[in-house]
Structure formats: C-alpha cells, structure tokens
C-alpha cells in the first residue's frame, strides 16, 4: 500500500478521452503538476456515474487549482468508450483502463476476491509524491467537493483545520 509522502507507483496504461481517442498515459506525463487519480469499481453501474459527473462538474475548479484529474477502473477500453458515448457524455478528463488490475493492486485498492477496485482517491503532488489517500467502500460515493477542498488545503502549505475552505484563515502556532 502506498503511503503519504512516498512516490506514487509508476504506471503506463491506455486512457480513453471524450472523443473516443485512446492514448497511452503515464504518471510521468503529470510530473510538475498536481494530479487527482481516483479509482472506481466498474463502468455502467448505478453509483459510479454520480462520482464521475461530479468530478466533471468541478473540473474547472480542479484546473484552476492547477490539478489534472484521471479516473480509473478495471474495465476495458471498449467498455469505457461505450459508456462515455452512450451514457456519460463528455467528462473532459480521461478514463484509464486497468484491465490487468496492476494499477489497482499497486495503489492498494484492488478487492482481489471481486476483481474490482474499491473507491480510492489519491492526490499526487508535482514531485509525484502522494499527499492524500482516501479509501471508500464500493457502496458509498466519495464527494469531489471534499477532494477539491483537500487539494486546496495541501496547496496552501499551511495548517488547515477541520472543515477549512479556501479563503478561510489558517491555524497559527502560538
């Protein structure tokens, strides 16, 4: 399992973009940028679209914070393409295919007996070190607003209290 302040596991895999284009994507492509990498169990489910579309709806805010967003599941490239075309529409960020389950395993989110990833979220800094890990059960969706809040707090470099939001004051040592 990766840990906070360790280098993120390296990867190269196929990514599906909104126009149906498939390209190889590597962790190294994001060096020098903040990256939000989130895993979800499967395409064409009831709960996963609520998360994927929430990240889409907040994408401009993630980009304003200088962060890129990647979604990842154990589904195939054709599955991602069909789901985007027929159900989700444009997300404006790519979906990674982890058909071999290597990424899910390397990031510690693979539920081996079910062959799917649980809901794992990783915020990776510009030096490619993991600064945040959030792991959720497959039956409860994560909140992209909270991921954005944590990203902004990390970027501040300050002590941020519980519930801190961008623009609020920081905790100062006495």
C-alpha atoms as a PDB file:
ATOM      1  CA  UNK A   1       0.000   0.000   0.000  1.00  0.00           C
ATOM      2  CA  UNK A   2       1.419   3.392  -0.910  1.00  0.00           C
ATOM      3  CA  UNK A   3       1.890   5.852   1.909  1.00  0.00           C
ATOM      4  CA  UNK A   4       1.736   9.612   2.319  1.00  0.00           C
ATOM      5  CA  UNK A   5       4.866  11.430   1.105  1.00  0.00           C
ATOM      6  CA  UNK A   6       6.080   8.396  -0.856  1.00  0.00           C
ATOM      7  CA  UNK A   7       6.452   8.395  -4.620  1.00  0.00           C
ATOM      8  CA  UNK A   8       3.276   7.273  -6.340  1.00  0.00           C
ATOM      9  CA  UNK A   9       3.500   3.907  -8.090  1.00  0.00           C
ATOM     10  CA  UNK A  10       4.596   4.435 -11.665  1.00  0.00           C
ATOM     11  CA  UNK A  11       2.207   3.408 -14.418  1.00  0.00           C
ATOM     12  CA  UNK A  12       1.619   3.480 -18.143  1.00  0.00           C
ATOM     13  CA  UNK A  13      -1.773   2.386 -19.448  1.00  0.00           C
ATOM     14  CA  UNK A  14      -4.386   3.101 -22.093  1.00  0.00           C
ATOM     15  CA  UNK A  15      -6.632   6.091 -21.482  1.00  0.00           C
ATOM     16  CA  UNK A  16      -9.900   6.867 -23.244  1.00  0.00           C
ATOM     17  CA  UNK A  17     -10.654  10.507 -23.982  1.00  0.00           C
ATOM     18  CA  UNK A  18     -14.051  12.079 -24.733  1.00  0.00           C
ATOM     19  CA  UNK A  19     -13.600  11.940 -28.494  1.00  0.00           C
ATOM     20  CA  UNK A  20     -13.013   8.179 -28.279  1.00  0.00           C
ATOM     21  CA  UNK A  21      -9.290   8.612 -28.822  1.00  0.00           C
ATOM     22  CA  UNK A  22      -7.110   6.125 -26.980  1.00  0.00           C
ATOM     23  CA  UNK A  23      -3.629   7.145 -25.866  1.00  0.00           C
ATOM     24  CA  UNK A  24      -1.025   5.744 -23.538  1.00  0.00           C
ATOM     25  CA  UNK A  25      -0.898   7.756 -20.327  1.00  0.00           C
ATOM     26  CA  UNK A  26       1.914   7.570 -17.784  1.00  0.00           C
ATOM     27  CA  UNK A  27       2.372   9.020 -14.328  1.00  0.00           C
ATOM     28  CA  UNK A  28       5.431  10.827 -15.702  1.00  0.00           C
ATOM     29  CA  UNK A  29       3.141  12.803 -18.059  1.00  0.00           C
ATOM     30  CA  UNK A  30       1.952  14.683 -14.973  1.00  0.00           C
ATOM     31  CA  UNK A  31       5.319  15.486 -13.398  1.00  0.00           C
ATOM     32  CA  UNK A  32       5.336  19.115 -12.305  1.00  0.00           C
ATOM     33  CA  UNK A  33       1.524  19.158 -11.881  1.00  0.00           C
ATOM     34  CA  UNK A  34      -0.894  18.234  -9.163  1.00  0.00           C
ATOM     35  CA  UNK A  35      -2.825  15.076 -10.037  1.00  0.00           C
ATOM     36  CA  UNK A  36      -6.068  13.684  -8.664  1.00  0.00           C
ATOM     37  CA  UNK A  37      -6.260   9.981  -9.501  1.00  0.00           C
ATOM     38  CA  UNK A  38      -9.429   8.238  -8.468  1.00  0.00           C
ATOM     39  CA  UNK A  39     -10.427   4.600  -8.797  1.00  0.00           C
ATOM     40  CA  UNK A  40     -13.989   3.383  -9.116  1.00  0.00           C
ATOM     41  CA  UNK A  41     -15.335  -0.197  -9.240  1.00  0.00           C
ATOM     42  CA  UNK A  42     -16.880  -0.587 -12.706  1.00  0.00           C
ATOM     43  CA  UNK A  43     -18.361   1.162 -15.720  1.00  0.00           C
ATOM     44  CA  UNK A  44     -22.121   1.049 -16.297  1.00  0.00           C
ATOM     45  CA  UNK A  45     -23.143   0.953 -12.652  1.00  0.00           C
ATOM     46  CA  UNK A  46     -25.644   2.965 -10.648  1.00  0.00           C
ATOM     47  CA  UNK A  47     -23.304   4.740  -8.209  1.00  0.00           C
ATOM     48  CA  UNK A  48     -20.137   5.390 -10.245  1.00  0.00           C
ATOM     49  CA  UNK A  49     -21.697   7.926 -12.645  1.00  0.00           C
ATOM     50  CA  UNK A  50     -22.616  10.163  -9.702  1.00  0.00           C
ATOM     51  CA  UNK A  51     -18.925  10.483  -8.854  1.00  0.00           C
ATOM     52  CA  UNK A  52     -17.594  10.774 -12.389  1.00  0.00           C
ATOM     53  CA  UNK A  53     -20.050  13.505 -13.294  1.00  0.00           C
ATOM     54  CA  UNK A  54     -19.403  15.364 -10.030  1.00  0.00           C
ATOM     55  CA  UNK A  55     -15.678  15.452 -10.865  1.00  0.00           C
ATOM     56  CA  UNK A  56     -16.671  16.713 -14.335  1.00  0.00           C
ATOM     57  CA  UNK A  57     -18.879  19.421 -12.840  1.00  0.00           C
ATOM     58  CA  UNK A  58     -15.983  20.617 -10.650  1.00  0.00           C
ATOM     59  CA  UNK A  59     -13.279  20.147 -13.284  1.00  0.00           C
ATOM     60  CA  UNK A  60     -12.796  23.873 -13.918  1.00  0.00           C
ATOM     61  CA  UNK A  61     -12.127  24.358 -10.205  1.00  0.00           C
ATOM     62  CA  UNK A  62      -9.596  21.499 -10.191  1.00  0.00           C
ATOM     63  CA  UNK A  63      -7.926  23.020 -13.259  1.00  0.00           C
ATOM     64  CA  UNK A  64      -7.929  26.482 -11.632  1.00  0.00           C
ATOM     65  CA  UNK A  65      -6.068  24.859  -8.756  1.00  0.00           C
ATOM     66  CA  UNK A  66      -3.516  23.548 -11.262  1.00  0.00           C
ATOM     67  CA  UNK A  67      -4.612  19.921 -10.980  1.00  0.00           C
ATOM     68  CA  UNK A  68      -5.362  17.278 -13.577  1.00  0.00           C
ATOM     69  CA  UNK A  69      -7.984  14.579 -12.954  1.00  0.00           C
ATOM     70  CA  UNK A  70      -7.847  10.925 -14.015  1.00  0.00           C
ATOM     71  CA  UNK A  71     -10.493   8.265 -13.409  1.00  0.00           C
ATOM     72  CA  UNK A  72      -9.568   4.574 -13.412  1.00  0.00           C
ATOM     73  CA  UNK A  73     -11.377   1.238 -13.308  1.00  0.00           C
ATOM     74  CA  UNK A  74     -10.617  -2.360 -14.218  1.00  0.00           C
ATOM     75  CA  UNK A  75     -12.786  -2.043 -17.326  1.00  0.00           C
ATOM     76  CA  UNK A  76     -11.535  -2.352 -20.902  1.00  0.00           C
ATOM     77  CA  UNK A  77     -11.015   0.422 -23.425  1.00  0.00           C
ATOM     78  CA  UNK A  78     -14.148  -0.649 -25.390  1.00  0.00           C
ATOM     79  CA  UNK A  79     -16.210  -0.548 -22.199  1.00  0.00           C
ATOM     80  CA  UNK A  80     -15.008   2.999 -21.396  1.00  0.00           C
ATOM     81  CA  UNK A  81     -15.687   4.120 -24.974  1.00  0.00           C
ATOM     82  CA  UNK A  82     -19.228   2.752 -24.970  1.00  0.00           C
ATOM     83  CA  UNK A  83     -20.021   4.169 -21.534  1.00  0.00           C
ATOM     84  CA  UNK A  84     -18.795   7.631 -22.495  1.00  0.00           C
ATOM     85  CA  UNK A  85     -20.614   7.567 -25.836  1.00  0.00           C
ATOM     86  CA  UNK A  86     -23.924   6.080 -24.700  1.00  0.00           C
ATOM     87  CA  UNK A  87     -24.326   7.208 -21.101  1.00  0.00           C
ATOM     88  CA  UNK A  88     -21.901   9.708 -19.602  1.00  0.00           C
ATOM     89  CA  UNK A  89     -21.154  12.072 -22.459  1.00  0.00           C
ATOM     90  CA  UNK A  90     -18.057  14.253 -22.217  1.00  0.00           C
ATOM     91  CA  UNK A  91     -16.209  14.179 -18.924  1.00  0.00           C
ATOM     92  CA  UNK A  92     -13.327  16.386 -20.109  1.00  0.00           C
ATOM     93  CA  UNK A  93     -10.838  14.121 -18.351  1.00  0.00           C
ATOM     94  CA  UNK A  94      -9.599  10.660 -19.386  1.00  0.00           C
ATOM     95  CA  UNK A  95     -10.575   7.261 -18.045  1.00  0.00           C
ATOM     96  CA  UNK A  96      -7.722   4.821 -17.514  1.00  0.00           C
ATOM     97  CA  UNK A  97      -8.170   1.161 -18.351  1.00  0.00           C
ATOM     98  CA  UNK A  98      -6.729  -1.162 -15.715  1.00  0.00           C
ATOM     99  CA  UNK A  99      -7.721  -4.449 -17.327  1.00  0.00           C
ATOM    100  CA  UNK A 100      -4.636  -6.194 -15.866  1.00  0.00           C
ATOM    101  CA  UNK A 101      -5.554  -4.809 -12.400  1.00  0.00           C
ATOM    102  CA  UNK A 102      -1.916  -3.771 -11.926  1.00  0.00           C
ATOM    103  CA  UNK A 103      -2.703  -0.130 -11.111  1.00  0.00           C
ATOM    104  CA  UNK A 104      -5.420  -1.070  -8.635  1.00  0.00           C
ATOM    105  CA  UNK A 105      -3.084  -3.565  -6.991  1.00  0.00           C
ATOM    106  CA  UNK A 106      -0.109  -1.144  -6.948  1.00  0.00           C
ATOM    107  CA  UNK A 107      -2.222   1.594  -5.379  1.00  0.00           C
ATOM    108  CA  UNK A 108      -3.663  -0.848  -2.812  1.00  0.00           C
ATOM    109  CA  UNK A 109      -7.317  -0.519  -3.840  1.00  0.00           C
ATOM    110  CA  UNK A 110      -7.941  -3.876  -5.553  1.00  0.00           C
ATOM    111  CA  UNK A 111     -10.554  -6.088  -3.915  1.00  0.00           C
ATOM    112  CA  UNK A 112      -8.901  -9.324  -5.034  1.00  0.00           C
ATOM    113  CA  UNK A 113     -11.841 -11.689  -4.442  1.00  0.00           C
ATOM    114  CA  UNK A 114     -14.174  -9.480  -6.515  1.00  0.00           C
ATOM    115  CA  UNK A 115     -11.627  -8.410  -9.142  1.00  0.00           C
ATOM    116  CA  UNK A 116     -12.603  -4.739  -8.869  1.00  0.00           C
ATOM    117  CA  UNK A 117     -11.153  -1.614  -7.308  1.00  0.00           C
ATOM    118  CA  UNK A 118     -12.785  -0.001  -4.340  1.00  0.00           C
ATOM    119  CA  UNK A 119     -13.224   3.772  -4.364  1.00  0.00           C
ATOM    120  CA  UNK A 120      -9.715   5.078  -3.838  1.00  0.00           C
ATOM    121  CA  UNK A 121      -8.628   8.684  -4.236  1.00  0.00           C
ATOM    122  CA  UNK A 122      -5.029   9.865  -4.431  1.00  0.00           C
ATOM    123  CA  UNK A 123      -3.752  13.423  -4.603  1.00  0.00           C
ATOM    124  CA  UNK A 124      -0.254  13.406  -6.039  1.00  0.00           C
ATOM    125  CA  UNK A 125       1.960  16.489  -5.833  1.00  0.00           C
ATOM    126  CA  UNK A 126       4.136  17.929  -8.640  1.00  0.00           C
ATOM    127  CA  UNK A 127       7.109  15.834  -7.415  1.00  0.00           C
ATOM    128  CA  UNK A 128       4.872  12.755  -7.815  1.00  0.00           C
ATOM    129  CA  UNK A 129       4.605  12.093  -4.104  1.00  0.00           C
ATOM    130  CA  UNK A 130       1.283  11.027  -2.644  1.00  0.00           C
ATOM    131  CA  UNK A 131      -0.109  13.716  -0.345  1.00  0.00           C
ATOM    132  CA  UNK A 132      -3.610  12.331   0.234  1.00  0.00           C
ATOM    133  CA  UNK A 133      -5.198   8.890   0.255  1.00  0.00           C
ATOM    134  CA  UNK A 134      -8.925   8.331   0.666  1.00  0.00           C
ATOM    135  CA  UNK A 135     -10.368   4.809   0.535  1.00  0.00           C
ATOM    136  CA  UNK A 136     -14.131   4.209   0.490  1.00  0.00           C
ATOM    137  CA  UNK A 137     -16.318   1.142   0.365  1.00  0.00           C
ATOM    138  CA  UNK A 138     -17.795   0.434  -3.088  1.00  0.00           C
ATOM    139  CA  UNK A 139     -21.314   1.154  -1.781  1.00  0.00           C
ATOM    140  CA  UNK A 140     -20.699   4.802  -0.789  1.00  0.00           C
ATOM    141  CA  UNK A 141     -19.736   7.506  -3.246  1.00  0.00           C
ATOM    142  CA  UNK A 142     -16.976   9.960  -2.474  1.00  0.00           C
ATOM    143  CA  UNK A 143     -17.545  13.698  -2.664  1.00  0.00           C
ATOM    144  CA  UNK A 144     -15.446  15.541  -5.273  1.00  0.00           C
ATOM    145  CA  UNK A 145     -16.054  18.762  -3.306  1.00  0.00           C
ATOM    146  CA  UNK A 146     -14.119  17.266  -0.382  1.00  0.00           C
ATOM    147  CA  UNK A 147     -11.310  16.140  -2.707  1.00  0.00           C
ATOM    148  CA  UNK A 148     -11.093  19.710  -4.065  1.00  0.00           C
ATOM    149  CA  UNK A 149     -11.073  21.122  -0.518  1.00  0.00           C
ATOM    150  CA  UNK A 150      -8.205  18.811   0.482  1.00  0.00           C
ATOM    151  CA  UNK A 151      -6.277  19.687  -2.694  1.00  0.00           C
ATOM    152  CA  UNK A 152      -6.595  23.402  -1.946  1.00  0.00           C
ATOM    153  CA  UNK A 153      -5.545  22.841   1.676  1.00  0.00           C
ATOM    154  CA  UNK A 154      -2.496  20.847   0.579  1.00  0.00           C
ATOM    155  CA  UNK A 155      -1.532  23.556  -1.883  1.00  0.00           C
ATOM    156  CA  UNK A 156      -1.727  26.220   0.824  1.00  0.00           C
ATOM    157  CA  UNK A 157       1.169  24.659   2.718  1.00  0.00           C
ATOM    158  CA  UNK A 158      -0.482  25.822   5.928  1.00  0.00           C
ATOM    159  CA  UNK A 159      -2.194  24.190   8.900  1.00  0.00           C
ATOM    160  CA  UNK A 160      -5.832  23.852   7.866  1.00  0.00           C
ATOM    161  CA  UNK A 161      -8.407  22.969  10.496  1.00  0.00           C
ATOM    162  CA  UNK A 162     -11.293  20.577  10.079  1.00  0.00           C
ATOM    163  CA  UNK A 163     -13.774  21.932   7.560  1.00  0.00           C
ATOM    164  CA  UNK A 164     -11.306  24.566   6.320  1.00  0.00           C
ATOM    165  CA  UNK A 165     -12.266  26.112   2.991  1.00  0.00           C
ATOM    166  CA  UNK A 166     -10.238  28.219   0.591  1.00  0.00           C
ATOM    167  CA  UNK A 167     -10.222  31.839   1.749  1.00  0.00           C
ATOM    168  CA  UNK A 168     -10.531  30.983   5.443  1.00  0.00           C
ATOM    169  CA  UNK A 169      -7.734  31.659   7.908  1.00  0.00           C
ATOM    170  CA  UNK A 170      -5.159  29.058   8.826  1.00  0.00           C
ATOM    171  CA  UNK A 171      -4.197  27.733  12.239  1.00  0.00           C
ATOM    172  CA  UNK A 172      -1.153  29.624  13.501  1.00  0.00           C
ATOM    173  CA  UNK A 173       1.221  28.222  16.130  1.00  0.00           C
ATOM    174  CA  UNK A 174       1.206  30.156  19.409  1.00  0.00           C
END
